[in-house]
Every structure is written in C-alpha cells, then in structure tokens.
Amino acid sequence: MQRLVETDIEFDEKVVAGEKLPETMIVYVMDAEHFILTAKPIEQLEEDALTKMNAKVVSQQNKYMIKLPQKIHNFYHLDENDYTIMASNRDPTTIIIMI
C-alpha cells in the first residue's frame, strides 16, 4: 500500500484579497508551466485540464497553507523551482501557480 504524502505551498491571505478559502480546493493541472487552484469546479478548466485532484487548505494566522498531493509536487519539481502565486481579479478564490 502506497502512502499519500502532501507538500505545502504557503502564502499570505492578501493574495486572495482577504477572501476565506474553503477547507478543500480543486487543483487543475494545466501544463508544465502552471496549475490552478479553485474553490469550486470551473467548466472551462474541467475541459482543458490534463488532470484534477483535491488539495487541503489550512488557515493559520494571516496565512494559508495548501497541502498539495505529492504527485503535483513531483510533477512541477516545486522543491527545485521558483514559482509565482497569483489570484484572479474576478474571483480571488481562483489561484494560479506559475512555474
């Protein structure tokens, strides 16, 4: 039996303009350069994503920690690469991670 290991991405709540994130978010793997986290399913992303998974969200003081599945961490080499975290202007609970 294989154990699922998770990896954290941490960011300030200012990134999401003070919006409260849910306890679970959807991770859409788009391509080798970025993935998108959303609070609810988005039809266009459902059609275009290579795959999707769930991620846990932990709120601590003025920060959020997204607990990504190890597969996502490994695919994007998050331990080796710099990445940028941005929130959508129209929907701050949609977060784009660019590698």
PDB file of N, CA and C in Angstrom:
ATOM      1  N   MET A   1       0.836  -1.178   0.000  1.00  0.00           N
ATOM      2  CA  MET A   1       0.000   0.000   0.000  1.00  0.00           C
ATOM      3  C   MET A   1       0.882   1.242   0.000  1.00  0.00           C
ATOM      4  N   GLN A   2       0.589   2.153  -0.925  1.00  0.00           N
ATOM      5  CA  GLN A   2       1.385   3.374  -1.026  1.00  0.00           C
ATOM      6  C   GLN A   2       0.733   4.489  -0.216  1.00  0.00           C
ATOM      7  N   ARG A   3       1.547   5.232   0.481  1.00  0.00           N
ATOM      8  CA  ARG A   3       1.071   6.307   1.339  1.00  0.00           C
ATOM      9  C   ARG A   3       1.104   7.629   0.565  1.00  0.00           C
ATOM     10  N   LEU A   4       0.032   8.404   0.665  1.00  0.00           N
ATOM     11  CA  LEU A   4      -0.008   9.705   0.009  1.00  0.00           C
ATOM     12  C   LEU A   4       0.695  10.726   0.890  1.00  0.00           C
ATOM     13  N   VAL A   5       1.705  11.347   0.345  1.00  0.00           N
ATOM     14  CA  VAL A   5       2.445  12.372   1.060  1.00  0.00           C
ATOM     15  C   VAL A   5       2.068  13.706   0.447  1.00  0.00           C
ATOM     16  N   GLU A   6       1.892  14.706   1.283  1.00  0.00           N
ATOM     17  CA  GLU A   6       1.495  16.015   0.791  1.00  0.00           C
ATOM     18  C   GLU A   6       2.607  17.035   0.999  1.00  0.00           C
ATOM     19  N   THR A   7       2.556  18.073   0.215  1.00  0.00           N
ATOM     20  CA  THR A   7       3.537  19.141   0.284  1.00  0.00           C
ATOM     21  C   THR A   7       2.793  20.470   0.380  1.00  0.00           C
ATOM     22  N   ASP A   8       3.370  21.400   1.104  1.00  0.00           N
ATOM     23  CA  ASP A   8       2.687  22.663   1.356  1.00  0.00           C
ATOM     24  C   ASP A   8       3.177  23.787   0.453  1.00  0.00           C
ATOM     25  N   ILE A   9       2.228  24.624   0.042  1.00  0.00           N
ATOM     26  CA  ILE A   9       2.521  25.929  -0.546  1.00  0.00           C
ATOM     27  C   ILE A   9       1.921  26.928   0.421  1.00  0.00           C
ATOM     28  N   GLU A  10       2.699  27.884   0.846  1.00  0.00           N
ATOM     29  CA  GLU A  10       2.232  28.852   1.833  1.00  0.00           C
ATOM     30  C   GLU A  10       2.191  30.239   1.207  1.00  0.00           C
ATOM     31  N   PHE A  11       1.116  30.987   1.504  1.00  0.00           N
ATOM     32  CA  PHE A  11       1.026  32.360   1.030  1.00  0.00           C
ATOM     33  C   PHE A  11       0.173  33.186   1.978  1.00  0.00           C
ATOM     34  N   ASP A  12       0.387  34.489   1.916  1.00  0.00           N
ATOM     35  CA  ASP A  12      -0.327  35.439   2.753  1.00  0.00           C
ATOM     36  C   ASP A  12      -1.771  35.565   2.266  1.00  0.00           C
ATOM     37  N   GLU A  13      -2.697  35.793   3.186  1.00  0.00           N
ATOM     38  CA  GLU A  13      -4.112  35.924   2.797  1.00  0.00           C
ATOM     39  C   GLU A  13      -4.355  37.149   1.919  1.00  0.00           C
ATOM     40  N   LYS A  14      -3.416  38.091   1.873  1.00  0.00           N
ATOM     41  CA  LYS A  14      -3.545  39.254   0.993  1.00  0.00           C
ATOM     42  C   LYS A  14      -3.611  38.833  -0.476  1.00  0.00           C
ATOM     43  N   VAL A  15      -3.002  37.697  -0.813  1.00  0.00           N
ATOM     44  CA  VAL A  15      -3.014  37.203  -2.190  1.00  0.00           C
ATOM     45  C   VAL A  15      -4.449  37.002  -2.665  1.00  0.00           C
ATOM     46  N   VAL A  16      -5.317  36.542  -1.781  1.00  0.00           N
ATOM     47  CA  VAL A  16      -6.714  36.292  -2.141  1.00  0.00           C
ATOM     48  C   VAL A  16      -7.631  37.420  -1.675  1.00  0.00           C
ATOM     49  N   ALA A  17      -7.070  38.590  -1.482  1.00  0.00           N
ATOM     50  CA  ALA A  17      -7.813  39.800  -1.108  1.00  0.00           C
ATOM     51  C   ALA A  17      -8.687  39.589   0.122  1.00  0.00           C
ATOM     52  N   GLY A  18      -8.177  38.822   1.067  1.00  0.00           N
ATOM     53  CA  GLY A  18      -8.901  38.596   2.314  1.00  0.00           C
ATOM     54  C   GLY A  18     -10.068  37.631   2.210  1.00  0.00           C
ATOM     55  N   GLU A  19     -10.286  37.027   1.026  1.00  0.00           N
ATOM     56  CA  GLU A  19     -11.367  36.045   0.864  1.00  0.00           C
ATOM     57  C   GLU A  19     -11.062  34.808   1.693  1.00  0.00           C
ATOM     58  N   LYS A  20     -12.092  34.208   2.251  1.00  0.00           N
ATOM     59  CA  LYS A  20     -11.921  32.967   3.008  1.00  0.00           C
ATOM     60  C   LYS A  20     -11.917  31.801   2.029  1.00  0.00           C
ATOM     61  N   LEU A  21     -10.886  30.983   2.109  1.00  0.00           N
ATOM     62  CA  LEU A  21     -10.793  29.802   1.255  1.00  0.00           C
ATOM     63  C   LEU A  21     -11.477  28.620   1.938  1.00  0.00           C
ATOM     64  N   PRO A  22     -12.033  27.705   1.158  1.00  0.00           N
ATOM     65  CA  PRO A  22     -12.648  26.507   1.745  1.00  0.00           C
ATOM     66  C   PRO A  22     -11.582  25.544   2.266  1.00  0.00           C
ATOM     67  N   GLU A  23     -12.001  24.530   2.990  1.00  0.00           N
ATOM     68  CA  GLU A  23     -11.058  23.548   3.550  1.00  0.00           C
ATOM     69  C   GLU A  23     -10.454  22.649   2.476  1.00  0.00           C
ATOM     70  N   THR A  24     -11.136  22.520   1.343  1.00  0.00           N
ATOM     71  CA  THR A  24     -10.637  21.717   0.227  1.00  0.00           C
ATOM     72  C   THR A  24     -10.776  22.525  -1.054  1.00  0.00           C
ATOM     73  N   MET A  25      -9.736  22.484  -1.885  1.00  0.00           N
ATOM     74  CA  MET A  25      -9.785  23.158  -3.182  1.00  0.00           C
ATOM     75  C   MET A  25      -9.464  22.150  -4.273  1.00  0.00           C
ATOM     76  N   ILE A  26      -9.875  22.500  -5.484  1.00  0.00           N
ATOM     77  CA  ILE A  26      -9.592  21.662  -6.646  1.00  0.00           C
ATOM     78  C   ILE A  26      -8.289  22.143  -7.268  1.00  0.00           C
ATOM     79  N   VAL A  27      -7.404  21.206  -7.606  1.00  0.00           N
ATOM     80  CA  VAL A  27      -6.154  21.517  -8.296  1.00  0.00           C
ATOM     81  C   VAL A  27      -6.307  21.051  -9.741  1.00  0.00           C
ATOM     82  N   TYR A  28      -6.255  21.990 -10.679  1.00  0.00           N
ATOM     83  CA  TYR A  28      -6.290  21.661 -12.102  1.00  0.00           C
ATOM     84  C   TYR A  28      -4.877  21.741 -12.648  1.00  0.00           C
ATOM     85  N   VAL A  29      -4.364  20.636 -13.165  1.00  0.00           N
ATOM     86  CA  VAL A  29      -3.044  20.606 -13.790  1.00  0.00           C
ATOM     87  C   VAL A  29      -3.253  20.992 -15.245  1.00  0.00           C
ATOM     88  N   MET A  30      -2.711  22.147 -15.630  1.00  0.00           N
ATOM     89  CA  MET A  30      -2.957  22.684 -16.967  1.00  0.00           C
ATOM     90  C   MET A  30      -1.862  22.305 -17.964  1.00  0.00           C
ATOM     91  N   ASP A  31      -0.612  22.489 -17.591  1.00  0.00           N
ATOM     92  CA  ASP A  31       0.519  22.177 -18.446  1.00  0.00           C
ATOM     93  C   ASP A  31       1.769  22.165 -17.583  1.00  0.00           C
ATOM     94  N   ALA A  32       2.933  22.101 -18.216  1.00  0.00           N
ATOM     95  CA  ALA A  32       4.187  22.011 -17.459  1.00  0.00           C
ATOM     96  C   ALA A  32       4.562  23.311 -16.764  1.00  0.00           C
ATOM     97  N   GLU A  33       3.882  24.420 -17.111  1.00  0.00           N
ATOM     98  CA  GLU A  33       4.233  25.709 -16.522  1.00  0.00           C
ATOM     99  C   GLU A  33       3.287  26.199 -15.448  1.00  0.00           C
ATOM    100  N   HIS A  34       2.072  25.656 -15.360  1.00  0.00           N
ATOM    101  CA  HIS A  34       1.190  26.162 -14.311  1.00  0.00           C
ATOM    102  C   HIS A  34       0.054  25.216 -13.964  1.00  0.00           C
ATOM    103  N   PHE A  35      -0.436  25.414 -12.733  1.00  0.00           N
ATOM    104  CA  PHE A  35      -1.650  24.737 -12.289  1.00  0.00           C
ATOM    105  C   PHE A  35      -2.513  25.758 -11.580  1.00  0.00           C
ATOM    106  N   ILE A  36      -3.798  25.437 -11.464  1.00  0.00           N
ATOM    107  CA  ILE A  36      -4.767  26.380 -10.930  1.00  0.00           C
ATOM    108  C   ILE A  36      -5.524  25.743  -9.775  1.00  0.00           C
ATOM    109  N   LEU A  37      -5.689  26.496  -8.705  1.00  0.00           N
ATOM    110  CA  LEU A  37      -6.476  26.063  -7.548  1.00  0.00           C
ATOM    111  C   LEU A  37      -7.790  26.834  -7.562  1.00  0.00           C
ATOM    112  N   THR A  38      -8.908  26.141  -7.392  1.00  0.00           N
ATOM    113  CA  THR A  38     -10.203  26.816  -7.365  1.00  0.00           C
ATOM    114  C   THR A  38     -11.039  26.305  -6.195  1.00  0.00           C
ATOM    115  N   ALA A  39     -11.928  27.171  -5.736  1.00  0.00           N
ATOM    116  CA  ALA A  39     -12.823  26.815  -4.645  1.00  0.00           C
ATOM    117  C   ALA A  39     -13.983  25.945  -5.139  1.00  0.00           C
ATOM    118  N   LYS A  40     -14.344  26.107  -6.416  1.00  0.00           N
ATOM    119  CA  LYS A  40     -15.454  25.342  -6.978  1.00  0.00           C
ATOM    120  C   LYS A  40     -15.093  24.939  -8.407  1.00  0.00           C
ATOM    121  N   PRO A  41     -15.754  23.914  -8.943  1.00  0.00           N
ATOM    122  CA  PRO A  41     -15.455  23.492 -10.316  1.00  0.00           C
ATOM    123  C   PRO A  41     -15.707  24.628 -11.322  1.00  0.00           C
ATOM    124  N   ILE A  42     -14.848  24.708 -12.322  1.00  0.00           N
ATOM    125  CA  ILE A  42     -14.984  25.698 -13.388  1.00  0.00           C
ATOM    126  C   ILE A  42     -15.037  24.921 -14.701  1.00  0.00           C
ATOM    127  N   GLU A  43     -16.130  25.104 -15.414  1.00  0.00           N
ATOM    128  CA  GLU A  43     -16.396  24.305 -16.612  1.00  0.00           C
ATOM    129  C   GLU A  43     -15.244  24.318 -17.611  1.00  0.00           C
ATOM    130  N   GLN A  44     -14.713  25.495 -17.916  1.00  0.00           N
ATOM    131  CA  GLN A  44     -13.632  25.586 -18.900  1.00  0.00           C
ATOM    132  C   GLN A  44     -12.387  24.820 -18.431  1.00  0.00           C
ATOM    133  N   LEU A  45     -12.076  24.908 -17.152  1.00  0.00           N
ATOM    134  CA  LEU A  45     -10.915  24.184 -16.624  1.00  0.00           C
ATOM    135  C   LEU A  45     -11.181  22.678 -16.625  1.00  0.00           C
ATOM    136  N   GLU A  46     -12.413  22.285 -16.354  1.00  0.00           N
ATOM    137  CA  GLU A  46     -12.780  20.860 -16.395  1.00  0.00           C
ATOM    138  C   GLU A  46     -12.473  20.286 -17.778  1.00  0.00           C
ATOM    139  N   GLU A  47     -12.721  21.070 -18.821  1.00  0.00           N
ATOM    140  CA  GLU A  47     -12.500  20.617 -20.193  1.00  0.00           C
ATOM    141  C   GLU A  47     -11.022  20.644 -20.592  1.00  0.00           C
ATOM    142  N   ASP A  48     -10.288  21.665 -20.118  1.00  0.00           N
ATOM    143  CA  ASP A  48      -8.920  21.888 -20.590  1.00  0.00           C
ATOM    144  C   ASP A  48      -7.824  21.240 -19.750  1.00  0.00           C
ATOM    145  N   ALA A  49      -8.095  20.916 -18.508  1.00  0.00           N
ATOM    146  CA  ALA A  49      -7.055  20.408 -17.599  1.00  0.00           C
ATOM    147  C   ALA A  49      -6.571  19.016 -18.008  1.00  0.00           C
ATOM    148  N   LEU A  50      -5.291  18.784 -17.782  1.00  0.00           N
ATOM    149  CA  LEU A  50      -4.735  17.454 -18.008  1.00  0.00           C
ATOM    150  C   LEU A  50      -5.276  16.469 -16.978  1.00  0.00           C
ATOM    151  N   THR A  51      -5.392  16.947 -15.749  1.00  0.00           N
ATOM    152  CA  THR A  51      -5.959  16.148 -14.660  1.00  0.00           C
ATOM    153  C   THR A  51      -6.395  17.096 -13.554  1.00  0.00           C
ATOM    154  N   LYS A  52      -7.135  16.557 -12.609  1.00  0.00           N
ATOM    155  CA  LYS A  52      -7.503  17.362 -11.445  1.00  0.00           C
ATOM    156  C   LYS A  52      -7.432  16.495 -10.200  1.00  0.00           C
ATOM    157  N   MET A  53      -7.142  17.139  -9.088  1.00  0.00           N
ATOM    158  CA  MET A  53      -7.035  16.480  -7.790  1.00  0.00           C
ATOM    159  C   MET A  53      -7.562  17.445  -6.740  1.00  0.00           C
ATOM    160  N   ASN A  54      -7.677  16.984  -5.521  1.00  0.00           N
ATOM    161  CA  ASN A  54      -8.078  17.856  -4.416  1.00  0.00           C
ATOM    162  C   ASN A  54      -6.869  18.188  -3.549  1.00  0.00           C
ATOM    163  N   ALA A  55      -6.917  19.355  -2.947  1.00  0.00           N
ATOM    164  CA  ALA A  55      -5.875  19.787  -2.017  1.00  0.00           C
ATOM    165  C   ALA A  55      -6.550  20.329  -0.765  1.00  0.00           C
ATOM    166  N   LYS A  56      -5.940  20.077   0.378  1.00  0.00           N
ATOM    167  CA  LYS A  56      -6.457  20.594   1.642  1.00  0.00           C
ATOM    168  C   LYS A  56      -5.921  22.005   1.866  1.00  0.00           C
ATOM    169  N   VAL A  57      -6.734  22.815   2.522  1.00  0.00           N
ATOM    170  CA  VAL A  57      -6.358  24.191   2.830  1.00  0.00           C
ATOM    171  C   VAL A  57      -6.369  24.355   4.339  1.00  0.00           C
ATOM    172  N   VAL A  58      -5.277  24.895   4.873  1.00  0.00           N
ATOM    173  CA  VAL A  58      -5.184  25.165   6.303  1.00  0.00           C
ATOM    174  C   VAL A  58      -4.943  26.660   6.476  1.00  0.00           C
ATOM    175  N   SER A  59      -5.759  27.278   7.302  1.00  0.00           N
ATOM    176  CA  SER A  59      -5.610  28.701   7.593  1.00  0.00           C
ATOM    177  C   SER A  59      -4.889  28.836   8.935  1.00  0.00           C
ATOM    178  N   GLN A  60      -3.779  29.586   8.930  1.00  0.00           N
ATOM    179  CA  GLN A  60      -3.007  29.812  10.150  1.00  0.00           C
ATOM    180  C   GLN A  60      -2.646  31.284  10.244  1.00  0.00           C
ATOM    181  N   GLN A  61      -3.198  31.942  11.262  1.00  0.00           N
ATOM    182  CA  GLN A  61      -2.992  33.379  11.460  1.00  0.00           C
ATOM    183  C   GLN A  61      -3.349  34.114  10.177  1.00  0.00           C
ATOM    184  N   ASN A  62      -2.445  34.807   9.549  1.00  0.00           N
ATOM    185  CA  ASN A  62      -2.755  35.552   8.325  1.00  0.00           C
ATOM    186  C   ASN A  62      -2.223  34.852   7.081  1.00  0.00           C
ATOM    187  N   LYS A  63      -2.088  33.554   7.156  1.00  0.00           N
ATOM    188  CA  LYS A  63      -1.538  32.783   6.040  1.00  0.00           C
ATOM    189  C   LYS A  63      -2.424  31.596   5.714  1.00  0.00           C
ATOM    190  N   TYR A  64      -2.287  31.143   4.472  1.00  0.00           N
ATOM    191  CA  TYR A  64      -2.917  29.899   4.034  1.00  0.00           C
ATOM    192  C   TYR A  64      -1.821  28.922   3.666  1.00  0.00           C
ATOM    193  N   MET A  65      -2.040  27.670   3.995  1.00  0.00           N
ATOM    194  CA  MET A  65      -1.161  26.595   3.556  1.00  0.00           C
ATOM    195  C   MET A  65      -2.000  25.633   2.734  1.00  0.00           C
ATOM    196  N   ILE A  66      -1.587  25.415   1.492  1.00  0.00           N
ATOM    197  CA  ILE A  66      -2.251  24.473   0.609  1.00  0.00           C
ATOM    198  C   ILE A  66      -1.435  23.194   0.649  1.00  0.00           C
ATOM    199  N   LYS A  67      -2.074  22.115   1.056  1.00  0.00           N
ATOM    200  CA  LYS A  67      -1.401  20.820   1.137  1.00  0.00           C
ATOM    201  C   LYS A  67      -1.633  20.067  -0.169  1.00  0.00           C
ATOM    202  N   LEU A  68      -0.644  20.144  -1.056  1.00  0.00           N
ATOM    203  CA  LEU A  68      -0.745  19.519  -2.368  1.00  0.00           C
ATOM    204  C   LEU A  68      -0.404  18.040  -2.307  1.00  0.00           C
ATOM    205  N   PRO A  69      -1.046  17.227  -3.133  1.00  0.00           N
ATOM    206  CA  PRO A  69      -0.634  15.821  -3.237  1.00  0.00           C
ATOM    207  C   PRO A  69       0.810  15.732  -3.754  1.00  0.00           C
ATOM    208  N   GLN A  70       1.518  14.737  -3.333  1.00  0.00           N
ATOM    209  CA  GLN A  70       2.922  14.558  -3.715  1.00  0.00           C
ATOM    210  C   GLN A  70       3.093  14.485  -5.235  1.00  0.00           C
ATOM    211  N   LYS A  71       2.137  13.911  -5.945  1.00  0.00           N
ATOM    212  CA  LYS A  71       2.233  13.820  -7.412  1.00  0.00           C
ATOM    213  C   LYS A  71       2.355  15.201  -8.052  1.00  0.00           C
ATOM    214  N   ILE A  72       1.611  16.159  -7.545  1.00  0.00           N
ATOM    215  CA  ILE A  72       1.667  17.523  -8.073  1.00  0.00           C
ATOM    216  C   ILE A  72       3.036  18.139  -7.761  1.00  0.00           C
ATOM    217  N   HIS A  73       3.461  17.974  -6.531  1.00  0.00           N
ATOM    218  CA  HIS A  73       4.772  18.485  -6.101  1.00  0.00           C
ATOM    219  C   HIS A  73       5.879  17.918  -6.981  1.00  0.00           C
ATOM    220  N   ASN A  74       5.847  16.628  -7.225  1.00  0.00           N
ATOM    221  CA  ASN A  74       6.887  15.977  -8.026  1.00  0.00           C
ATOM    222  C   ASN A  74       6.836  16.402  -9.493  1.00  0.00           C
ATOM    223  N   PHE A  75       5.634  16.489 -10.057  1.00  0.00           N
ATOM    224  CA  PHE A  75       5.488  16.855 -11.473  1.00  0.00           C
ATOM    225  C   PHE A  75       6.085  18.232 -11.737  1.00  0.00           C
ATOM    226  N   TYR A  76       5.829  19.171 -10.857  1.00  0.00           N
ATOM    227  CA  TYR A  76       6.311  20.544 -11.045  1.00  0.00           C
ATOM    228  C   TYR A  76       7.673  20.801 -10.392  1.00  0.00           C
ATOM    229  N   HIS A  77       8.240  19.799  -9.730  1.00  0.00           N
ATOM    230  CA  HIS A  77       9.537  19.960  -9.056  1.00  0.00           C
ATOM    231  C   HIS A  77       9.530  21.200  -8.170  1.00  0.00           C
ATOM    232  N   LEU A  78       8.492  21.316  -7.340  1.00  0.00           N
ATOM    233  CA  LEU A  78       8.332  22.518  -6.525  1.00  0.00           C
ATOM    234  C   LEU A  78       9.456  22.724  -5.525  1.00  0.00           C
ATOM    235  N   ASP A  79      10.164  21.670  -5.179  1.00  0.00           N
ATOM    236  CA  ASP A  79      11.287  21.824  -4.260  1.00  0.00           C
ATOM    237  C   ASP A  79      12.523  22.383  -4.964  1.00  0.00           C
ATOM    238  N   GLU A  80      12.532  22.345  -6.317  1.00  0.00           N
ATOM    239  CA  GLU A  80      13.697  22.799  -7.081  1.00  0.00           C
ATOM    240  C   GLU A  80      13.443  24.092  -7.841  1.00  0.00           C
ATOM    241  N   ASN A  81      12.194  24.428  -8.078  1.00  0.00           N
ATOM    242  CA  ASN A  81      11.849  25.572  -8.924  1.00  0.00           C
ATOM    243  C   ASN A  81      11.245  26.713  -8.125  1.00  0.00           C
ATOM    244  N   ASP A  82      11.451  27.918  -8.632  1.00  0.00           N
ATOM    245  CA  ASP A  82      10.741  29.074  -8.107  1.00  0.00           C
ATOM    246  C   ASP A  82       9.365  29.085  -8.740  1.00  0.00           C
ATOM    247  N   TYR A  83       8.387  29.591  -8.020  1.00  0.00           N
ATOM    248  CA  TYR A  83       7.047  29.693  -8.584  1.00  0.00           C
ATOM    249  C   TYR A  83       6.394  30.975  -8.106  1.00  0.00           C
ATOM    250  N   THR A  84       5.430  31.440  -8.882  1.00  0.00           N
ATOM    251  CA  THR A  84       4.707  32.666  -8.596  1.00  0.00           C
ATOM    252  C   THR A  84       3.264  32.319  -8.276  1.00  0.00           C
ATOM    253  N   ILE A  85       2.710  32.955  -7.252  1.00  0.00           N
ATOM    254  CA  ILE A  85       1.332  32.726  -6.839  1.00  0.00           C
ATOM    255  C   ILE A  85       0.538  33.993  -7.132  1.00  0.00           C
ATOM    256  N   MET A  86      -0.555  33.848  -7.904  1.00  0.00           N
ATOM    257  CA  MET A  86      -1.412  34.991  -8.232  1.00  0.00           C
ATOM    258  C   MET A  86      -2.866  34.577  -8.058  1.00  0.00           C
ATOM    259  N   ALA A  87      -3.700  35.520  -7.701  1.00  0.00           N
ATOM    260  CA  ALA A  87      -5.138  35.273  -7.615  1.00  0.00           C
ATOM    261  C   ALA A  87      -5.827  36.009  -8.754  1.00  0.00           C
ATOM    262  N   SER A  88      -6.922  35.439  -9.215  1.00  0.00           N
ATOM    263  CA  SER A  88      -7.716  36.065 -10.263  1.00  0.00           C
ATOM    264  C   SER A  88      -8.342  37.356  -9.737  1.00  0.00           C
ATOM    265  N   ASN A  89      -8.362  38.404 -10.558  1.00  0.00           N
ATOM    266  CA  ASN A  89      -9.012  39.660 -10.173  1.00  0.00           C
ATOM    267  C   ASN A  89     -10.519  39.486 -10.061  1.00  0.00           C
ATOM    268  N   ARG A  90     -11.095  38.675 -10.931  1.00  0.00           N
ATOM    269  CA  ARG A  90     -12.544  38.460 -10.925  1.00  0.00           C
ATOM    270  C   ARG A  90     -12.987  37.548  -9.792  1.00  0.00           C
ATOM    271  N   ASP A  91     -12.165  36.561  -9.464  1.00  0.00           N
ATOM    272  CA  ASP A  91     -12.517  35.605  -8.415  1.00  0.00           C
ATOM    273  C   ASP A  91     -11.274  35.306  -7.595  1.00  0.00           C
ATOM    274  N   PRO A  92     -11.090  36.008  -6.468  1.00  0.00           N
ATOM    275  CA  PRO A  92      -9.867  35.823  -5.664  1.00  0.00           C
ATOM    276  C   PRO A  92      -9.686  34.403  -5.128  1.00  0.00           C
ATOM    277  N   THR A  93     -10.729  33.565  -5.167  1.00  0.00           N
ATOM    278  CA  THR A  93     -10.567  32.181  -4.697  1.00  0.00           C
ATOM    279  C   THR A  93     -10.087  31.265  -5.811  1.00  0.00           C
ATOM    280  N   THR A  94      -9.753  31.833  -6.982  1.00  0.00           N
ATOM    281  CA  THR A  94      -9.090  31.091  -8.044  1.00  0.00           C
ATOM    282  C   THR A  94      -7.638  31.541  -8.052  1.00  0.00           C
ATOM    283  N   ILE A  95      -6.744  30.610  -7.759  1.00  0.00           N
ATOM    284  CA  ILE A  95      -5.336  30.922  -7.568  1.00  0.00           C
ATOM    285  C   ILE A  95      -4.508  30.238  -8.646  1.00  0.00           C
ATOM    286  N   ILE A  96      -3.647  30.990  -9.293  1.00  0.00           N
ATOM    287  CA  ILE A  96      -2.807  30.465 -10.370  1.00  0.00           C
ATOM    288  C   ILE A  96      -1.383  30.350  -9.838  1.00  0.00           C
ATOM    289  N   ILE A  97      -0.791  29.176 -10.026  1.00  0.00           N
ATOM    290  CA  ILE A  97       0.609  28.944  -9.645  1.00  0.00           C
ATOM    291  C   ILE A  97       1.396  28.771 -10.936  1.00  0.00           C
ATOM    292  N   MET A  98       2.362  29.669 -11.183  1.00  0.00           N
ATOM    293  CA  MET A  98       3.176  29.602 -12.391  1.00  0.00           C
ATOM    294  C   MET A  98       4.597  29.208 -12.022  1.00  0.00           C
ATOM    295  N   ILE A  99       5.122  28.260 -12.748  1.00  0.00           N
ATOM    296  CA  ILE A  99       6.466  27.748 -12.507  1.00  0.00           C
ATOM    297  C   ILE A  99       7.449  28.491 -13.399  1.00  0.00           C
TER     298      ILE A  99
END
